Amino acid sequence: MVKYTNTTLTKIQELVKEAGYVLRYEKGSFKSGYCILQDKKVIIINKYFETEARINSLFEILPSLQMKMEDLSENSRKFLEKINQKEIAFDSNPS
């Protein structure tokens, strides 16, 4: 089970970075809380989001990213495989 923690957020951020995308947290009026600039491989997340909302936004974005498995580290590949197999369950009450 994955928890909504900064550690989980860091894993997702590393995965996005290894995929060749730049992740930025900025102010924005985007309805979904994020914006993807595909041509520049830039992802912008609302900087006012808490950790849980950031994680949810990034998980929503991941399927639409163009990633090459060979560009990812072993840990990131395993994490992505778990995501793709929907093996990740979230615990919204971190302890």
N, C-alpha and C. Protein backbone atom coordinates (compact mmCIF):
# COMPACT_ATOMS: atom_id res chain seq x y z
N MET A 1 0.85 -1.17 0.00
CA MET A 1 0.00 0.00 0.00
C MET A 1 0.90 1.24 0.00
N VAL A 2 0.55 2.18 -0.84
CA VAL A 2 1.29 3.42 -0.94
C VAL A 2 0.55 4.50 -0.17
N LYS A 3 1.29 5.29 0.52
CA LYS A 3 0.69 6.36 1.33
C LYS A 3 0.94 7.70 0.67
N TYR A 4 0.09 8.65 0.98
CA TYR A 4 0.24 10.01 0.48
C TYR A 4 1.31 10.72 1.31
N THR A 5 2.55 10.44 0.99
CA THR A 5 3.66 11.02 1.72
C THR A 5 4.60 11.72 0.76
N ASN A 6 5.51 12.48 1.33
CA ASN A 6 6.53 13.14 0.50
C ASN A 6 7.42 12.12 -0.19
N THR A 7 7.61 10.95 0.41
CA THR A 7 8.43 9.89 -0.20
C THR A 7 7.78 9.41 -1.50
N THR A 8 6.47 9.19 -1.47
CA THR A 8 5.76 8.78 -2.67
C THR A 8 5.83 9.87 -3.73
N LEU A 9 5.65 11.10 -3.32
CA LEU A 9 5.74 12.23 -4.24
C LEU A 9 7.13 12.29 -4.88
N THR A 10 8.15 12.07 -4.09
CA THR A 10 9.52 12.08 -4.60
C THR A 10 9.74 10.98 -5.64
N LYS A 11 9.19 9.80 -5.40
CA LYS A 11 9.31 8.69 -6.37
C LYS A 11 8.67 9.05 -7.71
N ILE A 12 7.50 9.66 -7.63
CA ILE A 12 6.80 10.05 -8.87
C ILE A 12 7.57 11.16 -9.58
N GLN A 13 8.08 12.11 -8.82
CA GLN A 13 8.85 13.20 -9.41
C GLN A 13 10.09 12.67 -10.11
N GLU A 14 10.76 11.71 -9.50
CA GLU A 14 11.95 11.11 -10.10
C GLU A 14 11.59 10.37 -11.39
N LEU A 15 10.49 9.66 -11.38
CA LEU A 15 10.01 8.94 -12.56
C LEU A 15 9.76 9.92 -13.72
N VAL A 16 9.10 11.02 -13.43
CA VAL A 16 8.80 12.04 -14.44
C VAL A 16 10.10 12.64 -14.98
N LYS A 17 11.03 12.92 -14.09
CA LYS A 17 12.32 13.49 -14.49
C LYS A 17 13.09 12.53 -15.38
N GLU A 18 13.14 11.25 -15.00
CA GLU A 18 13.85 10.26 -15.80
C GLU A 18 13.22 10.08 -17.18
N ALA A 19 11.91 10.35 -17.28
CA ALA A 19 11.21 10.24 -18.55
C ALA A 19 11.50 11.44 -19.46
N GLY A 20 12.23 12.41 -18.93
CA GLY A 20 12.64 13.55 -19.74
C GLY A 20 11.73 14.76 -19.62
N TYR A 21 10.87 14.76 -18.63
CA TYR A 21 9.96 15.89 -18.42
C TYR A 21 10.48 16.79 -17.32
N VAL A 22 10.14 18.07 -17.44
CA VAL A 22 10.44 19.05 -16.40
C VAL A 22 9.16 19.25 -15.61
N LEU A 23 9.25 19.12 -14.31
CA LEU A 23 8.09 19.27 -13.43
C LEU A 23 8.25 20.56 -12.65
N ARG A 24 7.25 21.43 -12.77
CA ARG A 24 7.30 22.71 -12.05
C ARG A 24 6.02 22.89 -11.25
N TYR A 25 6.14 23.57 -10.14
CA TYR A 25 5.00 23.92 -9.30
C TYR A 25 4.83 25.43 -9.37
N GLU A 26 3.73 25.87 -9.99
CA GLU A 26 3.50 27.30 -10.18
C GLU A 26 2.03 27.64 -10.00
N LYS A 27 1.76 28.95 -9.90
CA LYS A 27 0.38 29.41 -9.85
C LYS A 27 -0.25 29.18 -11.22
N GLY A 28 -1.53 28.89 -11.21
CA GLY A 28 -2.20 28.72 -12.48
C GLY A 28 -3.70 28.65 -12.29
N SER A 29 -4.40 28.93 -13.35
CA SER A 29 -5.86 28.86 -13.29
C SER A 29 -6.37 27.68 -14.11
N PHE A 30 -5.54 26.64 -14.23
CA PHE A 30 -5.96 25.47 -14.99
C PHE A 30 -6.98 24.70 -14.18
N LYS A 31 -8.05 24.27 -14.84
CA LYS A 31 -9.17 23.64 -14.16
C LYS A 31 -8.80 22.34 -13.47
N SER A 32 -7.94 21.56 -14.10
CA SER A 32 -7.61 20.24 -13.53
C SER A 32 -6.52 20.32 -12.47
N GLY A 33 -5.92 21.47 -12.30
CA GLY A 33 -4.85 21.61 -11.32
C GLY A 33 -3.48 21.38 -11.90
N TYR A 34 -3.45 21.04 -13.20
CA TYR A 34 -2.16 20.85 -13.85
C TYR A 34 -2.27 21.21 -15.32
N CYS A 35 -1.13 21.35 -15.95
CA CYS A 35 -1.05 21.67 -17.36
C CYS A 35 0.17 20.93 -17.92
N ILE A 36 0.01 20.33 -19.11
CA ILE A 36 1.13 19.64 -19.75
C ILE A 36 1.44 20.36 -21.06
N LEU A 37 2.68 20.76 -21.21
CA LEU A 37 3.13 21.36 -22.46
C LEU A 37 3.90 20.25 -23.21
N GLN A 38 3.19 19.49 -24.04
CA GLN A 38 3.76 18.30 -24.67
C GLN A 38 5.00 18.60 -25.50
N ASP A 39 4.97 19.65 -26.30
CA ASP A 39 6.10 19.93 -27.19
C ASP A 39 7.39 20.22 -26.41
N LYS A 40 7.25 20.76 -25.22
CA LYS A 40 8.43 21.11 -24.42
C LYS A 40 8.68 20.13 -23.28
N LYS A 41 7.80 19.14 -23.14
CA LYS A 41 7.91 18.15 -22.06
C LYS A 41 7.98 18.83 -20.69
N VAL A 42 7.04 19.73 -20.47
CA VAL A 42 6.95 20.45 -19.21
C VAL A 42 5.59 20.16 -18.59
N ILE A 43 5.61 19.85 -17.31
CA ILE A 43 4.38 19.62 -16.54
C ILE A 43 4.33 20.67 -15.46
N ILE A 44 3.20 21.35 -15.38
CA ILE A 44 3.04 22.38 -14.35
C ILE A 44 1.89 21.97 -13.45
N ILE A 45 2.18 21.89 -12.16
CA ILE A 45 1.19 21.53 -11.14
C ILE A 45 0.92 22.78 -10.29
N ASN A 46 -0.31 22.95 -9.89
CA ASN A 46 -0.68 24.08 -9.03
C ASN A 46 0.16 24.04 -7.76
N LYS A 47 0.90 25.10 -7.52
CA LYS A 47 1.83 25.12 -6.38
C LYS A 47 1.13 25.15 -5.03
N TYR A 48 -0.16 25.45 -5.01
CA TYR A 48 -0.88 25.52 -3.75
C TYR A 48 -1.46 24.16 -3.34
N PHE A 49 -1.29 23.16 -4.19
CA PHE A 49 -1.78 21.82 -3.86
C PHE A 49 -0.98 21.22 -2.71
N GLU A 50 -1.69 20.50 -1.86
CA GLU A 50 -1.05 19.72 -0.80
C GLU A 50 -0.46 18.46 -1.43
N THR A 51 0.30 17.70 -0.65
CA THR A 51 0.96 16.49 -1.14
C THR A 51 -0.02 15.52 -1.79
N GLU A 52 -1.14 15.27 -1.16
CA GLU A 52 -2.12 14.31 -1.70
C GLU A 52 -2.62 14.73 -3.08
N ALA A 53 -2.95 16.00 -3.25
CA ALA A 53 -3.44 16.50 -4.54
C ALA A 53 -2.34 16.46 -5.60
N ARG A 54 -1.11 16.73 -5.21
CA ARG A 54 0.02 16.65 -6.15
C ARG A 54 0.19 15.22 -6.65
N ILE A 55 0.14 14.26 -5.73
CA ILE A 55 0.27 12.85 -6.09
C ILE A 55 -0.87 12.43 -7.02
N ASN A 56 -2.09 12.80 -6.68
CA ASN A 56 -3.24 12.45 -7.51
C ASN A 56 -3.11 13.06 -8.91
N SER A 57 -2.68 14.30 -9.00
CA SER A 57 -2.50 14.94 -10.30
C SER A 57 -1.45 14.22 -11.13
N LEU A 58 -0.34 13.87 -10.49
CA LEU A 58 0.73 13.19 -11.22
C LEU A 58 0.31 11.79 -11.68
N PHE A 59 -0.44 11.08 -10.84
CA PHE A 59 -0.93 9.77 -11.27
C PHE A 59 -1.93 9.90 -12.42
N GLU A 60 -2.67 10.98 -12.44
CA GLU A 60 -3.60 11.22 -13.53
C GLU A 60 -2.85 11.52 -14.84
N ILE A 61 -1.71 12.18 -14.71
CA ILE A 61 -0.92 12.58 -15.86
C ILE A 61 -0.10 11.41 -16.45
N LEU A 62 0.43 10.55 -15.60
CA LEU A 62 1.37 9.52 -16.04
C LEU A 62 0.97 8.74 -17.29
N PRO A 63 -0.27 8.28 -17.42
CA PRO A 63 -0.61 7.50 -18.62
C PRO A 63 -0.45 8.26 -19.93
N SER A 64 -0.53 9.58 -19.89
CA SER A 64 -0.44 10.36 -21.12
C SER A 64 1.00 10.74 -21.49
N LEU A 65 1.96 10.45 -20.62
CA LEU A 65 3.35 10.80 -20.90
C LEU A 65 3.99 9.78 -21.83
N GLN A 66 4.86 10.28 -22.68
CA GLN A 66 5.60 9.42 -23.58
C GLN A 66 6.90 9.03 -22.87
N MET A 67 6.96 7.77 -22.42
CA MET A 67 8.13 7.32 -21.66
C MET A 67 8.74 6.10 -22.34
N LYS A 68 10.06 6.06 -22.31
CA LYS A 68 10.79 4.89 -22.79
C LYS A 68 11.32 4.16 -21.55
N MET A 69 10.97 2.89 -21.45
CA MET A 69 11.37 2.12 -20.27
C MET A 69 12.90 2.09 -20.09
N GLU A 70 13.63 2.11 -21.19
CA GLU A 70 15.09 2.05 -21.09
C GLU A 70 15.70 3.32 -20.50
N ASP A 71 14.94 4.41 -20.48
CA ASP A 71 15.42 5.66 -19.88
C ASP A 71 15.23 5.70 -18.37
N LEU A 72 14.43 4.76 -17.86
CA LEU A 72 14.10 4.77 -16.43
C LEU A 72 15.03 3.86 -15.63
N SER A 73 15.28 4.26 -14.39
CA SER A 73 16.07 3.42 -13.49
C SER A 73 15.24 2.18 -13.14
N GLU A 74 15.89 1.20 -12.57
CA GLU A 74 15.20 -0.04 -12.20
C GLU A 74 14.09 0.25 -11.19
N ASN A 75 14.37 1.08 -10.20
CA ASN A 75 13.34 1.42 -9.21
C ASN A 75 12.14 2.11 -9.84
N SER A 76 12.40 3.02 -10.76
CA SER A 76 11.30 3.73 -11.42
C SER A 76 10.50 2.78 -12.30
N ARG A 77 11.17 1.86 -12.98
CA ARG A 77 10.46 0.87 -13.81
C ARG A 77 9.53 0.02 -12.96
N LYS A 78 10.03 -0.44 -11.83
CA LYS A 78 9.20 -1.27 -10.93
C LYS A 78 8.00 -0.48 -10.42
N PHE A 79 8.24 0.76 -10.04
CA PHE A 79 7.17 1.62 -9.54
C PHE A 79 6.12 1.84 -10.64
N LEU A 80 6.57 2.10 -11.86
CA LEU A 80 5.65 2.32 -12.98
C LEU A 80 4.87 1.04 -13.30
N GLU A 81 5.51 -0.10 -13.23
CA GLU A 81 4.82 -1.36 -13.47
C GLU A 81 3.71 -1.58 -12.45
N LYS A 82 3.98 -1.26 -11.20
CA LYS A 82 2.95 -1.38 -10.16
C LYS A 82 1.78 -0.45 -10.46
N ILE A 83 2.09 0.75 -10.90
CA ILE A 83 1.04 1.72 -11.25
C ILE A 83 0.20 1.17 -12.40
N ASN A 84 0.88 0.68 -13.43
CA ASN A 84 0.18 0.19 -14.62
C ASN A 84 -0.66 -1.05 -14.33
N GLN A 85 -0.24 -1.85 -13.37
CA GLN A 85 -0.98 -3.06 -13.02
C GLN A 85 -2.04 -2.78 -11.97
N LYS A 86 -2.15 -1.50 -11.61
CA LYS A 86 -3.13 -1.07 -10.61
C LYS A 86 -2.99 -1.83 -9.30
N GLU A 87 -1.73 -2.13 -8.97
CA GLU A 87 -1.45 -2.81 -7.70
C GLU A 87 -1.33 -1.82 -6.57
N ILE A 88 -1.29 -0.55 -6.90
CA ILE A 88 -1.09 0.45 -5.86
C ILE A 88 -2.43 0.85 -5.26
N ALA A 89 -2.52 0.70 -3.99
CA ALA A 89 -3.70 1.14 -3.25
C ALA A 89 -3.24 2.27 -2.36
N PHE A 90 -4.06 3.27 -2.19
CA PHE A 90 -3.64 4.41 -1.41
C PHE A 90 -4.28 4.40 -0.03
N ASP A 91 -3.48 4.80 0.92
CA ASP A 91 -3.94 4.96 2.28
C ASP A 91 -3.94 6.46 2.56
N SER A 92 -5.12 7.02 2.69
CA SER A 92 -5.20 8.47 2.88
C SER A 92 -4.96 8.89 4.33
N ASN A 93 -4.70 7.92 5.19
CA ASN A 93 -4.39 8.22 6.59
C ASN A 93 -2.98 7.78 6.91
N PRO A 94 -1.96 8.55 6.45
CA PRO A 94 -0.57 8.15 6.73
C PRO A 94 -0.30 8.13 8.23
N SER A 95 0.47 7.12 8.63
CA SER A 95 0.80 7.04 10.06
C SER A 95 2.27 7.20 10.29
